[in-house]
Amino acid sequence: MTAYEGVLSCYVFAMKTFNSSFAEVDGMELETLSDLISVYEKISDAPTKKTAFIDDIL
């Protein structure tokens, strides 16, 4: 996968997951988008946990 394909993959994931338009996702900085995806994955990977502590996410 090239870097361009990787970025587009992140865009598509963010558009589906966060129910956002391409323009909204494109307006974000790539670092911010990466952080949002990382936080989402950490929260959604623990289905048995009912709470997520900020220290665990960061």
C-alpha atoms as a PDB file:
ATOM      1  CA  MET A   1       0.000   0.000   0.000  1.00  0.00           C
ATOM      2  CA  THR A   2       1.364   3.388  -0.940  1.00  0.00           C
ATOM      3  CA  ALA A   3       1.230   6.391   1.364  1.00  0.00           C
ATOM      4  CA  TYR A   4      -1.524   7.911  -0.795  1.00  0.00           C
ATOM      5  CA  GLU A   5      -3.646   4.767  -0.483  1.00  0.00           C
ATOM      6  CA  GLY A   6      -3.065   4.735   3.278  1.00  0.00           C
ATOM      7  CA  VAL A   7      -4.324   8.301   3.643  1.00  0.00           C
ATOM      8  CA  LEU A   8      -7.376   7.593   1.503  1.00  0.00           C
ATOM      9  CA  SER A   9      -8.059   4.485   3.579  1.00  0.00           C
ATOM     10  CA  CYS A  10      -8.033   6.636   6.728  1.00  0.00           C
ATOM     11  CA  TYR A  11     -10.385   9.110   5.034  1.00  0.00           C
ATOM     12  CA  VAL A  12     -12.869   6.405   4.070  1.00  0.00           C
ATOM     13  CA  PHE A  13     -12.733   4.866   7.541  1.00  0.00           C
ATOM     14  CA  ALA A  14     -13.325   8.258   9.177  1.00  0.00           C
ATOM     15  CA  MET A  15     -16.203   9.115   6.845  1.00  0.00           C
ATOM     16  CA  LYS A  16     -17.967   5.831   7.642  1.00  0.00           C
ATOM     17  CA  THR A  17     -17.188   5.724  11.358  1.00  0.00           C
ATOM     18  CA  PHE A  18     -17.791   9.364  12.263  1.00  0.00           C
ATOM     19  CA  ASN A  19     -20.575   9.853   9.707  1.00  0.00           C
ATOM     20  CA  SER A  20     -18.730  12.791   8.174  1.00  0.00           C
ATOM     21  CA  SER A  21     -18.446  14.132   4.660  1.00  0.00           C
ATOM     22  CA  PHE A  22     -15.250  14.028   2.635  1.00  0.00           C
ATOM     23  CA  ALA A  23     -14.909  17.803   3.000  1.00  0.00           C
ATOM     24  CA  GLU A  24     -15.075  17.578   6.809  1.00  0.00           C
ATOM     25  CA  VAL A  25     -12.457  14.851   6.946  1.00  0.00           C
ATOM     26  CA  ASP A  26     -10.287  16.600   4.367  1.00  0.00           C
ATOM     27  CA  GLY A  27     -10.415  19.770   6.468  1.00  0.00           C
ATOM     28  CA  MET A  28      -8.768  17.981   9.413  1.00  0.00           C
ATOM     29  CA  GLU A  29      -5.050  17.750   9.852  1.00  0.00           C
ATOM     30  CA  LEU A  30      -3.777  14.244   9.243  1.00  0.00           C
ATOM     31  CA  GLU A  31      -2.372  14.054  12.782  1.00  0.00           C
ATOM     32  CA  THR A  32      -5.771  14.930  14.258  1.00  0.00           C
ATOM     33  CA  LEU A  33      -7.479  12.351  12.078  1.00  0.00           C
ATOM     34  CA  SER A  34      -4.954   9.729  13.154  1.00  0.00           C
ATOM     35  CA  ASP A  35      -5.558  10.579  16.818  1.00  0.00           C
ATOM     36  CA  LEU A  36      -9.333  10.298  16.409  1.00  0.00           C
ATOM     37  CA  ILE A  37      -9.016   6.897  14.752  1.00  0.00           C
ATOM     38  CA  SER A  38      -6.648   5.709  17.475  1.00  0.00           C
ATOM     39  CA  VAL A  39      -9.016   6.796  20.255  1.00  0.00           C
ATOM     40  CA  TYR A  40     -11.983   5.194  18.490  1.00  0.00           C
ATOM     41  CA  GLU A  41     -10.109   1.892  18.134  1.00  0.00           C
ATOM     42  CA  LYS A  42      -9.070   1.897  21.800  1.00  0.00           C
ATOM     43  CA  ILE A  43     -12.639   2.510  22.942  1.00  0.00           C
ATOM     44  CA  SER A  44     -14.282   0.054  20.557  1.00  0.00           C
ATOM     45  CA  ASP A  45     -11.751  -2.762  21.118  1.00  0.00           C
ATOM     46  CA  ALA A  46     -12.934  -3.251  24.680  1.00  0.00           C
ATOM     47  CA  PRO A  47     -16.586  -4.296  24.416  1.00  0.00           C
ATOM     48  CA  THR A  48     -16.680  -5.591  27.998  1.00  0.00           C
ATOM     49  CA  LYS A  49     -15.466  -2.310  29.452  1.00  0.00           C
ATOM     50  CA  LYS A  50     -18.230   0.120  30.268  1.00  0.00           C
ATOM     51  CA  THR A  51     -15.947   3.053  31.004  1.00  0.00           C
ATOM     52  CA  ALA A  52     -12.826   4.328  29.340  1.00  0.00           C
ATOM     53  CA  PHE A  53     -10.327   6.292  31.373  1.00  0.00           C
ATOM     54  CA  ILE A  54      -8.530   9.134  29.655  1.00  0.00           C
ATOM     55  CA  ASP A  55      -5.148   7.818  30.854  1.00  0.00           C
ATOM     56  CA  ASP A  56      -5.780   4.519  29.061  1.00  0.00           C
ATOM     57  CA  ILE A  57      -6.614   6.334  25.825  1.00  0.00           C
ATOM     58  CA  LEU A  58      -3.672   8.713  25.903  1.00  0.00           C
END
